[in-house]
Protein backbone atom coordinates (compact mmCIF):
# COMPACT_ATOMS: atom_id res chain seq x y z
CA MET A 1 70.27 117.21 41.39
CA GLY A 2 71.73 116.15 44.76
CA ASN A 3 73.57 113.06 45.66
CA PRO A 4 71.03 110.17 45.65
CA TYR A 5 72.72 108.54 48.64
CA TYR A 6 71.90 111.43 50.95
CA GLU A 7 68.41 112.47 49.96
CA CYS A 8 66.64 109.99 52.24
CA PRO A 9 68.82 109.25 55.25
CA LEU A 10 67.77 106.22 57.32
CA PRO A 11 66.43 107.04 60.79
CA VAL A 12 68.80 106.30 63.74
CA THR A 13 67.17 104.63 66.74
CA ILE A 14 68.57 105.69 70.07
CA PRO A 15 69.03 102.58 72.30
CA PRO A 16 67.04 102.64 75.53
CA ALA A 17 68.91 103.83 78.59
CA LYS A 18 70.02 101.03 80.97
CA PRO A 19 69.69 101.34 84.80
CA PHE A 20 72.83 102.40 86.52
CA LEU A 21 73.38 99.12 88.41
CA GLU A 22 72.82 97.13 85.24
CA SER A 23 75.41 99.23 83.40
CA ILE A 24 77.95 98.64 86.13
CA LYS A 25 77.21 94.97 86.06
CA LEU A 26 77.68 94.73 82.29
CA GLY A 27 80.90 96.78 82.53
CA ILE A 28 82.35 94.43 85.16
CA LYS A 29 81.33 91.37 83.14
CA GLU A 30 82.92 92.62 79.97
CA THR A 31 86.15 93.57 81.89
CA LEU A 32 86.62 90.55 84.19
CA PHE A 33 84.53 87.77 82.52
CA PRO A 34 84.66 88.33 78.71
CA ASP A 35 84.97 84.54 78.21
CA ASP A 36 81.88 83.80 80.37
CA PRO A 37 83.56 81.00 82.31
CA PHE A 38 80.35 79.96 84.07
CA ARG A 39 78.37 79.16 80.89
CA GLN A 40 79.09 75.49 81.18
CA PHE A 41 77.33 75.40 84.59
CA LYS A 42 73.95 76.63 83.27
CA ASN A 43 71.04 74.19 83.44
CA GLN A 44 73.19 71.40 85.02
CA PRO A 45 72.24 69.32 88.05
CA ALA A 46 74.16 69.99 91.34
CA SER A 47 76.24 66.86 91.09
CA ARG A 48 77.33 67.73 87.51
CA LYS A 49 78.13 71.34 88.58
CA PHE A 50 80.41 69.90 91.31
CA ILE A 51 82.31 67.77 88.85
CA LEU A 52 82.65 70.59 86.29
CA GLY A 53 83.76 72.92 89.11
CA MET A 54 86.49 70.49 90.18
CA GLN A 55 87.60 70.02 86.57
CA TYR A 56 87.68 73.80 86.06
CA PHE A 57 89.92 74.52 89.02
CA VAL A 58 91.95 71.26 88.86
CA PRO A 59 92.35 70.49 85.10
CA ILE A 60 94.16 67.23 85.69
CA LEU A 61 90.71 65.82 86.65
CA GLU A 62 89.51 66.64 83.16
CA TRP A 63 92.29 65.07 81.06
CA ALA A 64 93.35 62.22 83.34
CA PRO A 65 90.31 60.00 82.69
CA ARG A 66 91.06 60.20 78.95
CA TYR A 67 94.83 59.43 79.42
CA THR A 68 96.06 56.57 77.31
CA PHE A 69 99.13 54.51 77.10
CA GLU A 70 100.22 56.17 73.88
CA PHE A 71 100.09 59.57 75.71
CA PHE A 72 102.15 58.05 78.56
CA LYS A 73 104.93 56.85 76.12
CA ALA A 74 105.09 60.43 74.57
CA ASP A 75 105.11 62.13 77.93
CA LEU A 76 107.75 59.70 79.32
CA ILE A 77 110.15 60.46 76.51
CA ALA A 78 109.52 64.25 76.77
CA GLY A 79 109.83 64.24 80.58
CA ILE A 80 113.18 62.40 80.63
CA THR A 81 114.40 64.70 77.91
CA ILE A 82 113.56 67.94 79.81
CA ALA A 83 114.87 66.42 83.02
CA SER A 84 118.28 66.17 81.44
CA LEU A 85 118.02 69.92 80.77
CA ALA A 86 116.34 70.73 84.14
CA VAL A 87 119.16 69.41 86.36
CA PRO A 88 122.05 71.52 84.94
CA GLN A 89 119.85 74.53 84.43
CA GLY A 90 118.46 74.32 87.96
CA ILE A 91 121.98 74.29 89.45
CA SER A 92 123.12 77.06 87.11
CA TYR A 93 120.19 79.45 87.73
CA ALA A 94 120.36 78.91 91.50
CA SER A 95 123.95 80.09 91.38
CA LEU A 96 122.84 83.06 89.28
CA ALA A 97 120.34 83.92 92.03
CA SER A 98 123.17 83.65 94.58
CA LEU A 99 121.39 80.61 96.16
CA PRO A 100 122.79 77.18 97.03
CA PRO A 101 122.70 74.94 93.95
CA ILE A 102 120.62 72.34 95.71
CA ILE A 103 117.68 74.81 95.86
CA GLY A 104 117.74 74.90 92.08
CA LEU A 105 117.28 71.12 92.00
CA TYR A 106 114.52 71.32 94.64
CA SER A 107 112.76 73.91 92.39
CA SER A 108 112.46 71.33 89.58
CA PHE A 109 110.63 68.82 91.86
CA VAL A 110 107.65 70.26 93.71
CA PRO A 111 106.47 73.10 91.39
CA PRO A 112 106.16 70.89 88.27
CA LEU A 113 103.97 68.47 90.25
CA VAL A 114 101.66 71.36 91.35
CA TYR A 115 101.45 72.71 87.76
CA ALA A 116 100.65 69.35 86.32
CA MET A 117 97.48 69.31 88.45
CA LEU A 118 96.44 72.97 88.00
CA GLY A 119 97.84 74.15 84.74
CA SER A 120 95.95 74.28 81.50
CA SER A 121 98.86 74.08 78.99
CA ARG A 122 99.81 70.72 77.53
CA ASP A 123 103.32 71.87 76.50
CA LEU A 124 104.62 74.24 79.29
CA ALA A 125 107.64 72.75 81.17
CA VAL A 126 108.00 74.31 84.57
CA GLY A 127 111.39 75.49 86.08
CA THR A 128 113.59 78.31 87.10
CA VAL A 129 114.53 81.07 84.68
CA ALA A 130 117.53 83.31 84.33
CA VAL A 131 115.77 86.69 84.37
CA ALA A 132 113.84 86.02 87.54
CA SER A 133 117.12 84.61 89.08
CA LEU A 134 118.92 87.75 88.16
CA LEU A 135 116.15 89.95 89.60
CA ILE A 136 116.24 88.10 92.94
CA SER A 137 119.99 88.39 93.09
CA SER A 138 120.10 92.13 92.22
CA MET A 139 117.18 93.24 94.40
CA LEU A 140 117.76 91.13 97.58
CA GLY A 141 121.57 91.39 97.19
CA LYS A 142 121.21 95.14 97.84
CA GLU A 143 119.71 94.37 101.25
CA VAL A 144 121.61 91.30 102.44
CA ASN A 145 125.00 89.98 101.24
CA PRO A 146 124.51 86.40 100.29
CA ASN A 147 128.14 85.51 101.16
CA GLU A 148 128.12 87.14 104.59
CA ASN A 149 124.58 86.15 105.74
CA ALA A 150 123.64 83.16 103.55
CA LYS A 151 120.81 81.89 105.80
CA LEU A 152 118.93 85.23 105.95
CA TYR A 153 119.37 85.67 102.21
CA VAL A 154 117.85 82.24 101.50
CA GLN A 155 114.94 83.08 103.86
CA LEU A 156 114.29 86.33 102.00
CA ALA A 157 114.40 84.54 98.63
CA LEU A 158 111.81 81.97 99.83
CA THR A 159 109.69 84.82 101.29
CA ALA A 160 109.84 86.66 97.98
CA THR A 161 108.76 83.50 96.25
CA PHE A 162 105.78 83.15 98.55
CA PHE A 163 104.71 86.77 97.96
CA ALA A 164 105.15 86.31 94.18
CA GLY A 165 102.85 83.26 94.39
CA VAL A 166 100.22 85.12 96.44
CA PHE A 167 100.29 87.97 93.89
CA GLN A 168 100.05 85.67 90.91
CA ALA A 169 97.18 83.68 92.35
CA ALA A 170 95.35 86.84 93.41
CA LEU A 171 95.51 88.19 89.86
CA GLY A 172 94.06 84.94 88.55
CA LEU A 173 91.28 84.67 91.19
CA LEU A 174 90.32 88.29 90.66
CA ARG A 175 90.55 87.80 86.89
CA LEU A 176 92.96 90.70 86.51
CA GLY A 177 95.16 88.95 83.96
CA PHE A 178 94.80 91.79 81.58
CA ILE A 179 97.33 93.85 83.75
CA VAL A 180 100.07 91.56 82.35
CA ASP A 181 99.13 92.66 78.82
CA PHE A 182 100.51 96.09 79.59
CA LEU A 183 103.96 94.46 79.13
CA SER A 184 103.92 94.85 75.32
CA HIS A 185 105.91 92.67 72.96
CA ALA A 186 108.41 95.47 72.42
CA THR A 187 108.93 95.84 76.20
CA ILE A 188 109.49 92.15 76.68
CA VAL A 189 111.94 91.86 73.68
CA GLY A 190 114.09 94.82 75.04
CA PHE A 191 113.87 93.80 78.67
CA MET A 192 114.77 90.09 77.98
CA GLY A 193 117.54 91.12 75.67
CA GLY A 194 119.01 93.51 78.21
CA ALA A 195 118.74 91.06 81.07
CA ALA A 196 120.43 88.31 78.85
CA THR A 197 123.22 90.67 78.04
CA VAL A 198 123.84 91.38 81.75
CA VAL A 199 123.68 87.72 82.64
CA CYS A 200 126.13 86.80 79.95
CA LEU A 201 128.58 89.47 81.19
CA GLN A 202 128.21 88.37 84.81
CA GLN A 203 129.08 84.84 83.88
CA LEU A 204 132.59 86.15 83.02
CA LYS A 205 133.22 85.53 86.67
CA GLY A 206 132.90 81.81 86.18
CA ILE A 207 134.56 81.72 82.82
CA LEU A 208 137.67 83.52 84.05
CA GLY A 209 137.70 81.76 87.39
CA LEU A 210 137.31 84.98 89.50
CA VAL A 211 136.62 84.60 93.21
CA ARG A 212 135.37 88.10 94.03
CA PHE A 213 132.93 89.96 91.75
CA THR A 214 130.60 92.89 91.84
CA HIS A 215 126.96 92.56 92.91
CA GLY A 216 125.97 95.33 90.48
CA THR A 217 124.14 94.39 87.34
CA ASP A 218 124.94 97.39 85.14
CA LEU A 219 127.43 97.09 82.30
CA VAL A 220 130.03 99.56 83.81
CA SER A 221 130.18 97.80 87.12
CA VAL A 222 130.56 94.38 85.57
CA LEU A 223 133.33 95.39 83.13
CA ARG A 224 135.15 97.32 85.77
CA SER A 225 135.14 94.23 88.08
CA VAL A 226 136.37 92.05 85.19
CA PHE A 227 139.19 94.26 84.03
CA SER A 228 140.33 95.36 87.43
CA GLN A 229 141.26 91.72 88.25
CA THR A 230 143.23 90.75 85.11
CA HIS A 231 146.01 89.45 87.28
CA GLN A 232 143.56 86.81 88.71
CA TRP A 233 142.27 85.42 85.44
CA ARG A 234 142.67 81.73 85.14
CA TRP A 235 143.60 80.58 81.69
CA GLU A 236 142.69 76.92 82.50
CA SER A 237 139.19 77.99 83.39
CA GLY A 238 138.98 80.31 80.37
CA VAL A 239 139.99 77.59 77.87
CA LEU A 240 137.60 75.04 79.43
CA GLY A 241 134.75 77.59 79.36
CA CYS A 242 135.31 78.63 75.73
CA CYS A 243 135.38 74.94 74.67
CA PHE A 244 132.07 74.04 76.41
CA LEU A 245 130.47 77.25 75.13
CA PHE A 246 131.46 76.45 71.62
CA PHE A 247 130.01 72.93 72.03
CA LEU A 248 126.68 74.24 73.41
CA VAL A 249 126.27 76.88 70.70
CA LEU A 250 127.14 74.35 67.97
CA THR A 251 124.53 71.86 69.24
CA ARG A 252 121.85 74.64 69.34
CA TYR A 253 122.79 75.65 65.76
CA VAL A 254 122.47 72.01 64.52
CA SER A 255 119.14 71.57 66.31
CA LYS A 256 117.78 74.74 64.80
CA ARG A 257 118.90 73.69 61.29
CA LYS A 258 117.61 70.15 61.70
CA PRO A 259 114.63 70.13 64.10
CA CYS A 260 114.56 66.35 64.11
CA PHE A 261 117.85 66.51 66.13
CA PHE A 262 116.26 68.62 68.90
CA TRP A 263 117.41 66.06 71.45
CA ILE A 264 121.09 66.95 70.80
CA ASN A 265 120.52 70.48 72.10
CA ALA A 266 118.47 69.12 74.93
CA MET A 267 121.13 66.65 76.09
CA ALA A 268 124.09 69.04 75.54
CA PRO A 269 123.95 70.71 78.98
CA MET A 270 123.90 67.32 80.80
CA MET A 271 126.68 65.98 78.53
CA SER A 272 128.71 69.08 79.38
CA VAL A 273 128.23 68.50 83.10
CA ILE A 274 129.25 64.88 82.84
CA VAL A 275 132.30 65.50 80.66
CA GLY A 276 133.40 68.56 82.74
CA SER A 277 133.14 66.61 85.95
CA VAL A 278 135.10 63.62 84.57
CA LEU A 279 137.82 66.01 83.25
CA VAL A 280 138.18 67.72 86.60
CA TYR A 281 138.24 64.42 88.48
CA LEU A 282 140.84 62.84 86.18
CA THR A 283 143.16 65.87 85.91
CA ASN A 284 142.76 67.25 89.43
CA ALA A 285 141.92 70.61 87.82
CA GLU A 286 140.47 71.75 91.07
CA LYS A 287 144.03 72.27 92.31
CA TYR A 288 144.83 74.49 89.36
CA GLY A 289 142.14 77.09 90.01
CA VAL A 290 139.10 75.42 88.39
CA GLN A 291 136.25 75.98 90.83
CA VAL A 292 133.74 73.15 91.48
CA ILE A 293 130.27 72.90 92.95
CA GLY A 294 131.40 70.81 95.95
CA HIS A 295 129.11 68.81 98.17
CA LEU A 296 125.39 68.66 97.40
CA LYS A 297 123.17 67.27 100.14
CA LYS A 298 121.16 64.13 99.29
CA GLY A 299 117.40 63.90 100.02
CA LEU A 300 114.12 65.44 99.02
CA ASN A 301 112.96 69.04 99.69
CA PRO A 302 112.93 69.88 103.44
CA LEU A 303 109.90 71.89 104.52
CA SER A 304 110.65 75.59 104.74
CA VAL A 305 107.43 77.08 106.14
CA SER A 306 109.33 78.03 109.27
CA GLU A 307 112.06 79.77 107.14
CA LEU A 308 109.59 82.33 105.69
CA ALA A 309 110.86 85.62 107.21
CA PHE A 310 107.51 87.36 107.79
CA GLY A 311 108.95 89.22 110.72
CA SER A 312 112.20 90.28 109.12
CA PRO A 313 113.09 93.97 108.91
CA TYR A 314 113.69 93.34 105.12
CA MET A 315 109.99 92.32 104.63
CA VAL A 316 109.36 95.24 102.33
CA ALA A 317 112.25 94.29 100.09
CA ALA A 318 110.93 90.73 99.99
CA ILE A 319 107.47 91.86 99.00
CA LYS A 320 108.78 94.24 96.36
CA THR A 321 110.98 91.52 94.85
CA GLY A 322 108.13 89.04 94.94
CA ILE A 323 105.75 91.34 93.15
CA ILE A 324 108.21 92.36 90.39
CA THR A 325 109.59 88.91 89.78
CA GLY A 326 106.00 87.58 89.89
CA VAL A 327 104.89 89.96 87.12
CA VAL A 328 107.88 89.14 84.95
CA ALA A 329 107.44 85.40 85.50
CA LEU A 330 103.77 85.62 84.60
CA ALA A 331 104.44 87.57 81.49
CA GLU A 332 106.99 84.99 80.33
CA GLY A 333 105.09 81.90 81.31
CA VAL A 334 101.71 82.98 79.87
CA ALA A 335 103.30 84.26 76.65
CA VAL A 336 105.21 80.97 76.20
CA GLY A 337 102.19 78.85 76.98
CA ARG A 338 99.97 80.74 74.49
CA SER A 339 102.71 80.63 71.81
CA PHE A 340 102.91 76.86 71.91
CA ALA A 341 99.17 76.37 72.30
CA MET A 342 98.79 78.04 68.90
CA PHE A 343 100.85 75.36 67.30
CA LYS A 344 98.52 72.63 68.42
CA ASN A 345 95.37 74.77 67.98
CA TYR A 346 94.07 74.73 71.60
CA HIS A 347 93.32 77.53 74.03
CA ILE A 348 94.76 78.09 77.52
CA ASP A 349 92.99 80.16 80.11
CA GLY A 350 95.32 83.00 81.19
CA ASN A 351 93.64 83.41 84.54
CA LYS A 352 93.79 79.69 85.32
CA GLU A 353 97.48 79.75 84.37
CA MET A 354 98.06 82.58 86.87
CA ILE A 355 96.37 80.56 89.62
CA ALA A 356 98.47 77.54 88.75
CA PHE A 357 101.71 79.69 88.72
CA GLY A 358 100.67 81.23 92.10
CA MET A 359 99.87 77.98 93.78
CA MET A 360 103.07 76.29 92.62
CA ASN A 361 105.14 79.16 93.92
CA ILE A 362 103.33 79.23 97.25
CA ALA A 363 103.79 75.47 97.55
CA GLY A 364 107.40 75.80 96.38
CA SER A 365 108.22 78.50 98.91
CA CYS A 366 107.14 76.04 101.68
CA ALA A 367 109.33 73.26 100.20
CA SER A 368 112.68 75.04 99.80
CA CYS A 369 112.09 76.16 96.22
CA TYR A 370 112.47 79.54 94.73
CA LEU A 371 110.60 81.29 91.90
CA THR A 372 109.52 79.15 88.93
CA THR A 373 107.62 79.70 85.75
CA GLY A 374 107.44 78.33 82.20
CA PRO A 375 110.85 79.07 80.52
CA PHE A 376 110.92 79.11 76.72
CA SER A 377 113.99 76.85 76.28
CA ARG A 378 112.59 74.04 78.41
CA THR A 379 109.13 74.32 76.92
CA ALA A 380 110.51 74.25 73.40
CA VAL A 381 112.34 71.05 74.16
CA ASN A 382 109.20 69.53 75.75
CA PHE A 383 107.19 70.55 72.68
CA ASN A 384 109.73 69.10 70.20
CA ALA A 385 110.03 65.98 72.23
CA GLY A 386 106.36 65.18 71.49
CA CYS A 387 104.67 65.74 74.82
CA LYS A 388 100.90 65.14 74.80
CA THR A 389 99.86 66.42 78.36
CA ALA A 390 101.20 68.14 81.42
CA GLY A 391 102.12 64.63 82.48
CA SER A 392 105.61 65.28 81.15
CA ASN A 393 106.12 67.65 84.09
CA ILE A 394 105.37 64.67 86.45
CA VAL A 395 107.93 62.51 84.70
CA MET A 396 110.52 65.32 84.86
CA ALA A 397 109.76 65.83 88.66
CA THR A 398 110.17 62.10 89.15
CA ALA A 399 113.55 62.05 87.39
CA VAL A 400 114.71 64.99 89.53
CA MET A 401 113.44 63.14 92.66
CA VAL A 402 115.66 60.16 91.72
CA THR A 403 118.59 62.60 91.22
CA LEU A 404 117.99 64.17 94.65
CA LEU A 405 117.85 60.78 96.41
CA PHE A 406 120.75 59.02 94.78
CA LEU A 407 122.78 61.09 92.29
CA THR A 408 123.68 64.42 93.93
CA PRO A 409 127.15 63.27 95.06
CA LEU A 410 128.05 62.82 91.36
CA PHE A 411 127.90 66.58 90.90
CA HIS A 412 130.62 67.31 93.39
CA TYR A 413 133.29 67.75 90.65
CA THR A 414 131.03 69.70 88.37
CA PRO A 415 133.05 72.83 87.31
CA ILE A 416 131.46 76.27 87.85
CA VAL A 417 132.81 77.26 84.40
CA VAL A 418 130.48 74.59 82.78
CA LEU A 419 127.49 76.12 84.55
CA SER A 420 128.55 79.57 83.37
CA SER A 421 128.76 78.18 79.85
CA ILE A 422 125.31 76.65 80.10
CA ILE A 423 123.81 80.00 81.20
CA ILE A 424 125.55 82.00 78.45
CA ALA A 425 124.40 79.60 75.76
CA ALA A 426 120.84 79.76 77.03
CA MET A 427 120.96 83.58 77.27
CA LEU A 428 122.16 84.10 73.74
CA GLY A 429 118.77 82.81 72.52
CA LEU A 430 117.01 85.62 74.46
CA ILE A 431 118.80 88.41 72.61
CA ASP A 432 116.25 88.60 69.79
CA TYR A 433 117.87 91.19 67.52
CA GLU A 434 115.69 90.00 64.56
CA ALA A 435 112.60 91.01 66.48
CA ALA A 436 114.10 94.45 67.18
CA ILE A 437 114.83 94.89 63.47
CA GLY A 438 111.29 93.91 62.66
CA LEU A 439 109.98 96.55 65.20
CA TRP A 440 112.05 99.19 63.48
CA LYS A 441 110.51 98.33 60.06
CA VAL A 442 106.91 98.18 61.40
CA ASP A 443 106.71 100.74 64.17
CA LYS A 444 109.45 103.16 65.23
CA CYS A 445 107.76 103.96 68.59
CA ASP A 446 107.76 100.23 69.51
CA PHE A 447 111.45 100.14 68.49
CA ILE A 448 112.15 103.05 70.87
CA VAL A 449 110.27 101.27 73.64
CA CYS A 450 112.41 98.11 73.00
CA VAL A 451 115.72 99.97 72.93
CA SER A 452 114.84 101.99 75.98
CA ALA A 453 114.14 98.88 77.92
CA TYR A 454 117.43 97.32 76.75
CA ILE A 455 119.50 100.44 77.57
CA GLY A 456 117.82 100.77 81.02
CA VAL A 457 118.64 97.21 81.96
CA VAL A 458 122.22 97.25 80.57
CA PHE A 459 123.33 100.69 81.81
CA GLY A 460 121.03 100.99 84.88
CA SER A 461 119.52 97.94 86.53
CA VAL A 462 116.91 95.28 85.75
CA GLU A 463 114.29 97.31 87.72
CA ILE A 464 115.12 100.58 86.00
CA GLY A 465 114.88 99.00 82.56
CA LEU A 466 111.45 97.54 83.40
CA VAL A 467 110.14 100.78 84.83
CA ILE A 468 111.39 102.77 81.78
CA ALA A 469 109.84 100.30 79.36
CA VAL A 470 106.49 100.14 81.10
CA THR A 471 106.36 103.91 81.47
CA ILE A 472 107.10 104.54 77.82
CA SER A 473 104.52 101.95 76.83
CA LEU A 474 101.85 103.55 78.97
CA LEU A 475 102.73 107.02 77.71
CA ARG A 476 102.46 105.81 74.19
CA MET A 477 99.07 104.18 74.88
CA LEU A 478 97.78 107.49 76.46
CA LEU A 479 99.13 109.45 73.53
CA SER A 480 97.33 107.24 71.06
CA VAL A 481 94.12 107.95 72.87
CA ALA A 482 94.64 111.73 73.42
CA ARG A 483 95.92 112.16 69.82
CA PRO A 484 94.26 109.37 67.81
CA ARG A 485 95.01 108.73 64.13
CA THR A 486 92.23 110.11 61.99
CA PHE A 487 91.42 109.79 58.34
CA LEU A 488 89.25 111.96 56.08
CA LEU A 489 86.84 109.60 54.19
CA GLY A 490 85.41 110.14 50.78
CA ASN A 491 82.94 108.27 48.60
CA ILE A 492 84.17 105.94 45.94
CA PRO A 493 82.37 106.92 42.70
CA ASN A 494 79.32 104.77 41.82
CA SER A 495 79.31 102.96 45.11
CA MET A 496 78.22 103.19 48.73
CA ILE A 497 81.90 102.59 49.84
CA PHE A 498 83.87 105.15 51.76
CA ARG A 499 87.61 105.07 52.03
CA SER A 500 90.53 107.31 53.14
CA ARG A 501 91.04 110.13 50.64
CA ASP A 502 94.86 109.83 51.23
CA GLN A 503 94.87 106.20 50.10
CA TYR A 504 92.17 106.56 47.43
CA PRO A 505 92.56 109.81 45.48
CA ILE A 506 89.44 109.01 43.38
CA ALA A 507 87.26 109.22 46.63
CA ASN A 508 84.98 112.29 46.40
CA ASN A 509 84.36 114.75 49.20
CA ILE A 510 80.72 115.17 50.17
CA PRO A 511 79.81 118.85 50.09
CA GLY A 512 78.87 120.14 53.53
CA VAL A 513 79.71 116.89 55.27
CA LEU A 514 82.84 115.98 57.09
CA ILE A 515 83.37 112.17 57.50
CA LEU A 516 86.15 111.03 59.83
CA GLN A 517 87.50 107.66 60.76
CA ILE A 518 88.91 107.95 64.34
CA ASP A 519 91.15 105.17 65.72
CA ALA A 520 90.01 105.71 69.34
CA PRO A 521 86.83 106.41 71.35
CA VAL A 522 85.85 110.08 71.42
CA TYR A 523 85.78 111.49 74.94
CA PHE A 524 87.21 114.27 77.00
CA ALA A 525 90.91 113.40 76.44
CA ASN A 526 90.76 113.88 72.67
CA ALA A 527 87.47 115.81 72.03
CA ASN A 528 89.21 119.24 72.15
CA TYR A 529 92.01 118.01 69.92
CA LEU A 530 89.53 116.80 67.28
CA ARG A 531 87.54 120.03 67.50
CA GLU A 532 90.63 122.27 67.09
CA ARG A 533 91.96 120.12 64.23
CA TYR A 534 88.85 119.85 62.13
CA ALA A 535 86.74 122.93 63.06
CA LYS A 536 86.42 125.21 60.02
């Protein structure tokens, strides 16, 4: 007697064929509009559609009418807190990008205002980031020496920021945000860790008080530059740097152990700047080799539309830098925004975020700002400070505006070594060795991608590391399609359940029937592989 489950098979109905144009339309809709963003406009009068459209493209119009005094108090505290972090970080990261420190302050004024109007995240705090700053310095520094031709270098940095914004906004408008998803978690962990390592090593210039330093970003060049100038090391600068670095790391450790003391970590960079400036002023440490920022010009952002170097012979380098830094900034900003949105159980639209990032960088490039995104450290402080809406960015921008108008002369005696300590302390948090260990335990291939990205950045360059990581990720994806995982299935006795025969030894083979579970679509790339492997 045969198996009762297979004596009367159910008929399979072949779905009707769709017209070619309808198939193309459905394919485009599933690829570019999986969330059906226009469903809210259906069956609405024209006036309501206009209001919904404005709220969709300018999210502040959606949450501002519901804004309460309680929200304002929470956003005020959060905004002031992140402003205390934004000022020293802005100055530090501008120096990392080989740009004048004042441009770092400018970059924490205009872009946050634009994002507050267009962004969909309640928690993201906008500002400059170390990795993008390093990319700008390493890529544009190969074309123009920032020390010899500072004006042209600044123009190229602003132009690169403009093209980064155009690229980001175009991805959002065309709903091509899925391209950023090709930067896998393993890629980002390795890339960020490698970039953080290089940034930390480069800050030895400030810690040791060196005047001349290599423009290379690889480990060999940096170490050669450090140890070939041992006779120029300044012990005063080194002692000061180690003390401030210990203080910053200690405050971060305390804040991680006791989350209620998050404000200690947030205020630590500003406290370091204040204490360092006072020490230099009182002891005249500037005369003993401790380098200081010097004069910072007062006033709000000057317009820089005329500074965009569209006719420069280095235009290709600016476009290339803009696209690469734009992708990296998008990957970091969108990932950070989604991560913190999960904690509060709300959704952010990745494509709207890309438009917001793009518009704030376009506006920023016209107002003397360089590339900005949503850094993890600043967003974490904003989240822990209890922000309720993107209004905290407006408060931060207002605080930075006050600094630009009245307080910039106070930073004259800020020692460079303190800025280096702030950068190193921030970068140590990006070397996520625990995530790398987790990748090794879960998936060895992802671990190889992570390590390859790290090695490429540390021993090659930031661009090489990114290319290596993305290439390996794409090859792995193609390999998983061309050689998919397959499982032979068998029937669990006395049931209609089929399971892998490797995992369930009691599963019975069906005579004359081969049942496979294939972890990929079957098409030309893997059809021959499946035929050769299972043909009897």
